[in-house]
């Protein structure tokens, strides 16, 4: 799966494609407009990828201090392009890291 296929699944499917990692599924739900469901998937996920997605979601929520906390826990600095650019970068990185791209 590449980024274009991932994005196409958002408009075509009712649930994330099978085999997505939890962080990717959270980004899928976020792109569908279900922030709460996305957050619930990564809220207690202690992986670096999960914490990076958690940080992005809190940034999107408007909670910069909470986002900064999760960025630091994930080992990343506060990412500051547009939210769409950040989500796309996360999706691309996670697809490659999970052997989906």
Protein backbone atom coordinates (compact mmCIF):
# COMPACT_ATOMS: atom_id res chain seq x y z
CA UNK A 1 0.00 0.00 0.00
CA UNK A 2 1.25 3.47 -0.83
CA UNK A 3 0.06 6.87 0.36
CA UNK A 4 -2.34 7.29 -2.58
CA UNK A 5 -3.96 3.91 -1.88
CA UNK A 6 -4.16 4.77 1.82
CA UNK A 7 -5.87 8.08 1.02
CA UNK A 8 -8.23 6.41 -1.46
CA UNK A 9 -9.30 3.91 1.21
CA UNK A 10 -10.39 6.82 3.40
CA UNK A 11 -13.00 7.91 0.87
CA UNK A 12 -14.05 4.40 -0.18
CA UNK A 13 -14.03 2.25 2.93
CA UNK A 14 -16.00 2.18 6.18
CA UNK A 15 -13.11 0.79 8.20
CA UNK A 16 -9.31 0.80 7.87
CA UNK A 17 -7.75 -1.68 5.48
CA UNK A 18 -6.74 -4.97 7.08
CA UNK A 19 -3.19 -5.22 8.31
CA UNK A 20 -2.59 -1.59 9.21
CA UNK A 21 -0.58 -0.94 12.34
CA UNK A 22 -2.40 0.77 15.21
CA UNK A 23 -0.74 4.15 14.52
CA UNK A 24 -1.73 3.93 10.84
CA UNK A 25 -5.29 2.96 11.76
CA UNK A 26 -5.41 5.98 14.09
CA UNK A 27 -4.29 8.26 11.26
CA UNK A 28 -6.91 6.65 9.01
CA UNK A 29 -9.68 7.42 11.53
CA UNK A 30 -8.35 10.95 11.98
CA UNK A 31 -8.49 11.51 8.22
CA UNK A 32 -12.10 10.24 8.30
CA UNK A 33 -12.85 13.00 10.82
CA UNK A 34 -13.08 10.76 13.89
CA UNK A 35 -10.45 12.35 16.16
CA UNK A 36 -11.82 10.66 19.29
CA UNK A 37 -11.56 7.18 17.79
CA UNK A 38 -8.06 7.93 16.50
CA UNK A 39 -6.99 9.18 19.92
CA UNK A 40 -8.44 6.16 21.70
CA UNK A 41 -6.24 3.88 19.58
CA UNK A 42 -2.97 5.58 20.55
CA UNK A 43 -3.87 6.99 23.96
CA UNK A 44 -2.04 4.25 25.85
CA UNK A 45 0.22 3.00 23.06
CA UNK A 46 3.81 3.23 24.32
CA UNK A 47 5.62 2.75 20.99
CA UNK A 48 7.58 5.60 19.39
CA UNK A 49 5.23 5.56 16.40
CA UNK A 50 2.16 5.55 18.62
CA UNK A 51 3.50 8.47 20.64
CA UNK A 52 4.30 10.42 17.44
CA UNK A 53 0.72 9.98 16.22
CA UNK A 54 -0.53 10.85 19.72
CA UNK A 55 1.51 14.08 19.54
CA UNK A 56 0.07 14.95 16.12
CA UNK A 57 -3.47 14.39 17.37
CA UNK A 58 -2.95 16.69 20.35
CA UNK A 59 -1.44 19.30 18.06
CA UNK A 60 -4.50 19.04 15.86
CA UNK A 61 -6.68 19.35 18.94
CA UNK A 62 -4.93 22.64 19.71
CA UNK A 63 -3.14 21.45 22.84
CA UNK A 64 0.44 22.50 22.05
CA UNK A 65 1.84 21.68 25.49
CA UNK A 66 0.33 18.18 25.45
CA UNK A 67 1.55 17.69 21.86
CA UNK A 68 5.05 18.83 22.83
CA UNK A 69 5.08 16.31 25.70
CA UNK A 70 4.24 13.45 23.32
CA UNK A 71 6.69 14.65 20.66
CA UNK A 72 9.46 14.53 23.27
CA UNK A 73 8.39 11.07 24.42
CA UNK A 74 8.46 9.87 20.82
CA UNK A 75 12.00 11.23 20.37
CA UNK A 76 10.88 13.79 17.81
CA UNK A 77 10.88 17.55 17.88
CA UNK A 78 7.67 19.54 17.52
CA UNK A 79 6.79 19.20 13.84
CA UNK A 80 5.46 22.49 12.51
CA UNK A 81 4.30 22.31 8.86
CA UNK A 82 0.59 22.17 8.14
CA UNK A 83 -1.39 19.43 9.85
CA UNK A 84 -2.08 17.80 6.48
CA UNK A 85 1.66 17.75 5.67
CA UNK A 86 2.43 16.26 9.06
CA UNK A 87 -0.24 13.56 8.71
CA UNK A 88 1.07 12.68 5.22
CA UNK A 89 4.66 12.49 6.50
CA UNK A 90 3.57 10.22 9.34
CA UNK A 91 1.60 7.97 6.97
CA UNK A 92 4.53 7.73 4.53
CA UNK A 93 7.00 6.93 7.29
CA UNK A 94 4.75 4.35 8.92
CA UNK A 95 3.93 2.62 5.63
CA UNK A 96 7.64 2.28 4.85
CA UNK A 97 8.51 1.18 8.40
CA UNK A 98 5.76 -1.44 8.38
CA UNK A 99 6.68 -2.79 4.95
CA UNK A 100 3.43 -1.59 3.41
CA UNK A 101 4.96 0.78 0.83
